[in-house]
Amino acid sequence: MPSRERTYRTEALVLRRKDIGEADRLLTLLTPERGKLRVVAKGIRKPRSRKAGHLELFTRASLLVAAGRDLDLITQAQAVETYRPLREDLVRGAYAAYAVELLDRFTPEHQEAGEVYDLLANMLGWLCAASDPALPARYYELRLLALAGFQPELRRCVLGGETIVAEAQYFSVPQGGAVCARCGRGQPGLLSISLEALKYLRYFQVQPYSRVAGLKLDPGLLAEMERVLQRYIVYLLERQLKSVEFLKLIRRGTAP
């Protein structure tokens, strides 16, 4: 059995952090080659720590990591991108927390995650720049669902198999896709979805974000898209994400 390497270099996104001991911090990272990792940053909470500013929440950093018996240790850290607006704006930060929690639920530990890593890194950048964070959030949800193997079927009826035509439809959460008006009529438990919402969800599935970023969608339309995707995500995960509830409080202006 080959021996484990003593040190390794990797780029990483800081997903979560937890203070341990008097000056250390336990970090959950996402890396392209090694997937999700839990590592320790020793002494990072000391006033003169050189690593502290490079390992803030949501930061993208280049790391040198030493293998440990139980948990690996960060020995060097250099920030690549800090995404400062996510820590300076409560709403953007809440959307970033949601993006991280959603990814966390769909991504196993210690598995290569290059595409997921790139998606999250891009998402954090989109959130920094977007005038309405709800737009990249909907795009991110669809892309992450596709990478996780749960892309919703939006072009063919999941009950009858026929091609979806241009009209208001339904969405089946258990079947994971659109249901045509004929098959859906009178069926219990289906979500209604307007033609416009379905059209944009389909557009998001096939277009790069550079084409989506310039769209000016009505808040009501984005809310409808959110309603459908959230019901599907909750069904897949069998739980509501904590960050979703916090995000709702912030958008209502009632967050502590």
Protein backbone atom coordinates (compact mmCIF):
# COMPACT_ATOMS: atom_id res chain seq x y z
CA MET A 1 0.00 0.00 0.00
CA PRO A 2 1.57 3.34 -1.06
CA SER A 3 2.48 5.71 1.73
CA ARG A 4 0.45 8.86 2.14
CA GLU A 5 2.18 12.05 1.00
CA ARG A 6 3.32 14.26 3.86
CA THR A 7 2.36 17.59 2.29
CA TYR A 8 0.30 18.69 -0.69
CA ARG A 9 -0.70 21.90 -2.40
CA THR A 10 -4.25 22.69 -3.36
CA GLU A 11 -6.56 25.54 -4.09
CA ALA A 12 -9.63 25.67 -1.85
CA LEU A 13 -12.82 27.53 -1.05
CA VAL A 14 -13.61 28.01 2.65
CA LEU A 15 -17.12 26.63 3.23
CA ARG A 16 -17.40 26.60 7.02
CA ARG A 17 -15.30 27.32 10.07
CA LYS A 18 -15.45 26.47 13.76
CA ASP A 19 -13.24 27.69 16.58
CA ILE A 20 -11.48 24.96 18.53
CA GLY A 21 -9.10 25.18 21.47
CA GLU A 22 -7.65 28.55 22.43
CA ALA A 23 -6.37 29.73 19.05
CA ASP A 24 -7.13 27.12 16.38
CA ARG A 25 -9.93 26.82 13.85
CA LEU A 26 -11.50 23.81 12.11
CA LEU A 27 -12.22 24.59 8.47
CA THR A 28 -14.37 22.76 5.95
CA LEU A 29 -12.90 23.29 2.49
CA LEU A 30 -13.87 22.45 -1.05
CA THR A 31 -10.94 21.55 -3.30
CA PRO A 32 -10.94 20.59 -7.00
CA GLU A 33 -8.93 17.36 -6.69
CA ARG A 34 -9.78 16.13 -3.19
CA GLY A 35 -13.35 17.34 -2.84
CA LYS A 36 -14.56 18.37 0.60
CA LEU A 37 -11.99 18.28 3.39
CA ARG A 38 -11.89 19.16 7.06
CA VAL A 39 -8.58 20.65 8.11
CA VAL A 40 -7.13 22.56 11.06
CA ALA A 41 -5.58 26.02 10.91
CA LYS A 42 -3.46 26.16 14.05
CA GLY A 43 -2.95 29.50 15.77
CA ILE A 44 -5.13 31.33 13.25
CA ARG A 45 -7.00 33.23 15.97
CA LYS A 46 -3.84 34.73 17.44
CA PRO A 47 -3.52 38.49 16.80
CA ARG A 48 -0.35 38.11 14.75
CA SER A 49 -1.44 35.11 12.69
CA ARG A 50 -0.37 35.44 9.05
CA LYS A 51 -3.02 33.02 7.86
CA ALA A 52 -6.11 34.73 9.32
CA GLY A 53 -6.82 37.17 6.50
CA HIS A 54 -6.34 34.46 3.88
CA LEU A 55 -8.85 31.98 5.30
CA GLU A 56 -11.99 34.02 5.83
CA LEU A 57 -15.37 32.46 5.08
CA PHE A 58 -16.03 32.14 1.30
CA THR A 59 -12.39 32.98 0.47
CA ARG A 60 -10.61 31.19 -2.37
CA ALA A 61 -7.04 30.43 -1.35
CA SER A 62 -3.90 28.57 -2.39
CA LEU A 63 -2.78 26.27 0.42
CA LEU A 64 0.09 24.09 1.53
CA VAL A 65 -1.32 21.32 3.73
CA ALA A 66 0.50 18.82 5.94
CA ALA A 67 -1.04 15.40 6.44
CA GLY A 68 -2.03 14.73 10.04
CA ARG A 69 -3.00 11.59 11.93
CA ASP A 70 -6.65 12.57 12.21
CA LEU A 71 -6.98 15.94 10.47
CA ASP A 72 -4.64 17.63 8.03
CA LEU A 73 -3.02 20.94 8.99
CA ILE A 74 -2.76 24.12 6.93
CA THR A 75 0.84 25.34 7.00
CA GLN A 76 0.68 28.10 4.36
CA ALA A 77 -2.23 30.10 2.92
CA GLN A 78 -2.44 32.79 0.26
CA ALA A 79 -5.77 34.32 -0.74
CA VAL A 80 -6.56 34.12 -4.47
CA GLU A 81 -9.97 35.83 -4.31
CA THR A 82 -11.62 37.27 -1.19
CA TYR A 83 -15.12 38.05 -2.55
CA ARG A 84 -15.34 40.99 -0.15
CA PRO A 85 -18.92 42.06 -1.04
CA LEU A 86 -20.18 38.78 0.42
CA ARG A 87 -18.95 39.84 3.87
CA GLU A 88 -19.92 43.48 3.50
CA ASP A 89 -23.52 42.99 2.34
CA LEU A 90 -25.92 40.90 4.45
CA VAL A 91 -28.14 39.82 1.55
CA ARG A 92 -25.25 38.76 -0.68
CA GLY A 93 -23.66 36.94 2.25
CA ALA A 94 -26.91 35.09 2.95
CA TYR A 95 -27.13 33.96 -0.67
CA ALA A 96 -23.51 32.79 -0.48
CA ALA A 97 -24.31 30.81 2.68
CA TYR A 98 -27.23 29.22 0.83
CA ALA A 99 -25.03 28.33 -2.15
CA VAL A 100 -22.49 26.70 0.17
CA GLU A 101 -25.07 24.76 2.18
CA LEU A 102 -26.79 23.50 -0.96
CA LEU A 103 -23.50 22.31 -2.40
CA ASP A 104 -22.56 20.74 0.92
CA ARG A 105 -25.72 18.61 0.91
CA PHE A 106 -25.21 17.35 -2.62
CA THR A 107 -21.43 16.78 -2.47
CA PRO A 108 -19.82 13.82 -0.68
CA GLU A 109 -16.48 14.15 1.07
CA HIS A 110 -13.10 13.16 -0.42
CA GLN A 111 -14.29 12.86 -4.01
CA GLU A 112 -12.89 14.82 -6.95
CA ALA A 113 -15.04 17.91 -7.43
CA GLY A 114 -13.50 19.99 -10.20
CA GLU A 115 -16.76 20.99 -11.91
CA VAL A 116 -18.54 21.68 -8.63
CA TYR A 117 -15.56 23.71 -7.43
CA ASP A 118 -15.60 25.86 -10.55
CA LEU A 119 -19.36 26.34 -10.26
CA LEU A 120 -19.16 27.53 -6.65
CA ALA A 121 -16.21 29.82 -7.36
CA ASN A 122 -18.15 31.33 -10.25
CA MET A 123 -21.29 31.63 -8.15
CA LEU A 124 -19.49 33.63 -5.46
CA GLY A 125 -18.23 35.99 -8.15
CA TRP A 126 -21.70 36.30 -9.69
CA LEU A 127 -23.18 37.18 -6.31
CA CYS A 128 -20.62 39.94 -5.85
CA ALA A 129 -21.60 41.54 -9.17
CA ALA A 130 -25.32 40.85 -9.62
CA SER A 131 -27.84 43.62 -9.02
CA ASP A 132 -30.36 40.96 -7.96
CA PRO A 133 -28.74 37.88 -6.35
CA ALA A 134 -31.90 35.85 -7.03
CA LEU A 135 -30.95 35.60 -10.71
CA PRO A 136 -27.59 33.80 -10.23
CA ALA A 137 -29.17 31.76 -7.42
CA ARG A 138 -31.71 30.20 -9.79
CA TYR A 139 -29.02 29.57 -12.41
CA TYR A 140 -26.74 28.00 -9.79
CA GLU A 141 -29.48 25.70 -8.51
CA LEU A 142 -30.13 24.30 -11.97
CA ARG A 143 -26.42 23.80 -12.68
CA LEU A 144 -25.75 22.13 -9.35
CA LEU A 145 -28.75 19.83 -9.75
CA ALA A 146 -27.39 18.77 -13.15
CA LEU A 147 -23.92 18.05 -11.76
CA ALA A 148 -25.46 16.05 -8.89
CA GLY A 149 -27.48 13.92 -11.33
CA PHE A 150 -30.88 15.45 -10.63
CA GLN A 151 -31.41 17.77 -13.59
CA PRO A 152 -35.15 18.42 -13.92
CA GLU A 153 -36.75 17.34 -17.19
CA LEU A 154 -38.27 20.47 -18.73
CA ARG A 155 -38.66 19.54 -22.40
CA ARG A 156 -40.72 16.37 -22.29
CA CYS A 157 -43.70 15.48 -20.14
CA VAL A 158 -42.48 13.19 -17.36
CA LEU A 159 -45.83 11.39 -17.32
CA GLY A 160 -46.70 10.98 -21.02
CA GLY A 161 -43.33 11.47 -22.67
CA GLU A 162 -44.52 13.93 -25.31
CA THR A 163 -42.66 17.11 -26.14
CA ILE A 164 -43.75 20.09 -24.06
CA VAL A 165 -45.53 22.71 -26.18
CA ALA A 166 -45.75 26.45 -25.54
CA GLU A 167 -48.41 26.77 -22.85
CA ALA A 168 -48.74 26.85 -19.09
CA GLN A 169 -47.78 23.49 -17.61
CA TYR A 170 -47.39 21.63 -14.35
CA PHE A 171 -44.35 20.37 -12.48
CA SER A 172 -44.16 17.00 -10.72
CA VAL A 173 -41.79 17.12 -7.75
CA PRO A 174 -41.52 13.31 -7.29
CA GLN A 175 -40.98 12.76 -11.05
CA GLY A 176 -38.59 15.70 -11.29
CA GLY A 177 -39.95 17.49 -14.30
CA ALA A 178 -42.62 19.21 -16.32
CA VAL A 179 -46.04 17.70 -16.94
CA CYS A 180 -48.03 18.78 -19.99
CA ALA A 181 -51.43 20.40 -19.57
CA ARG A 182 -53.24 17.31 -20.86
CA CYS A 183 -51.56 14.83 -18.49
CA GLY A 184 -51.60 17.22 -15.56
CA ARG A 185 -55.24 18.23 -15.69
CA GLY A 186 -56.94 16.91 -12.54
CA GLN A 187 -53.79 15.23 -11.19
CA PRO A 188 -53.31 15.91 -7.44
CA GLY A 189 -50.05 17.18 -5.99
CA LEU A 190 -48.68 18.93 -9.09
CA LEU A 191 -47.29 22.47 -9.05
CA SER A 192 -48.56 24.91 -11.64
CA ILE A 193 -45.86 26.64 -13.67
CA SER A 194 -46.36 29.43 -16.15
CA LEU A 195 -45.08 29.28 -19.69
CA GLU A 196 -42.72 32.17 -18.98
CA ALA A 197 -41.17 30.50 -15.90
CA LEU A 198 -40.73 27.24 -17.76
CA LYS A 199 -39.17 29.06 -20.71
CA TYR A 200 -36.54 30.74 -18.56
CA LEU A 201 -35.75 27.61 -16.57
CA ARG A 202 -35.09 25.84 -19.85
CA TYR A 203 -33.00 28.77 -21.05
CA PHE A 204 -30.91 28.66 -17.87
CA GLN A 205 -30.22 24.96 -18.41
CA VAL A 206 -28.51 25.44 -21.77
CA GLN A 207 -26.99 28.93 -21.75
CA PRO A 208 -23.73 30.14 -20.16
CA TYR A 209 -24.15 32.58 -17.31
CA SER A 210 -22.74 35.38 -19.45
CA ARG A 211 -25.98 35.20 -21.49
CA VAL A 212 -28.17 35.01 -18.39
CA ALA A 213 -26.50 37.81 -16.42
CA GLY A 214 -27.93 40.56 -18.62
CA LEU A 215 -31.55 39.49 -18.22
CA LYS A 216 -33.95 41.76 -16.31
CA LEU A 217 -36.57 39.38 -14.98
CA ASP A 218 -39.63 40.43 -13.03
CA PRO A 219 -39.30 39.66 -9.28
CA GLY A 220 -42.56 37.73 -9.43
CA LEU A 221 -41.20 35.50 -12.19
CA LEU A 222 -38.00 34.83 -10.23
CA ALA A 223 -40.13 34.02 -7.17
CA GLU A 224 -42.14 31.49 -9.21
CA MET A 225 -38.96 29.84 -10.44
CA GLU A 226 -37.67 29.77 -6.88
CA ARG A 227 -40.88 28.15 -5.61
CA VAL A 228 -40.66 25.29 -8.10
CA LEU A 229 -36.93 24.65 -7.61
CA GLN A 230 -37.15 24.86 -3.82
CA ARG A 231 -39.95 22.30 -3.68
CA TYR A 232 -37.87 19.97 -5.83
CA ILE A 233 -34.70 20.51 -3.76
CA VAL A 234 -36.51 19.94 -0.46
CA TYR A 235 -37.95 16.71 -1.87
CA LEU A 236 -34.50 15.47 -2.93
CA LEU A 237 -32.79 16.40 0.34
CA GLU A 238 -35.76 15.48 2.54
CA ARG A 239 -35.24 18.68 4.52
CA GLN A 240 -35.38 22.45 4.32
CA LEU A 241 -31.99 24.14 4.41
CA LYS A 242 -31.32 26.41 7.39
CA SER A 243 -29.91 29.11 5.13
CA VAL A 244 -33.20 29.32 3.21
CA GLU A 245 -35.10 30.35 6.32
CA PHE A 246 -32.46 32.95 7.20
CA LEU A 247 -32.58 34.30 3.67
CA LYS A 248 -36.34 34.68 3.89
CA LEU A 249 -35.99 36.65 7.13
CA ILE A 250 -33.45 38.96 5.57
CA ARG A 251 -35.58 39.60 2.49
CA ARG A 252 -38.51 40.45 4.76
CA GLY A 253 -36.25 42.77 6.71
CA THR A 254 -36.74 40.91 9.99
CA ALA A 255 -33.34 39.27 10.44
CA PRO A 256 -31.64 39.89 13.82
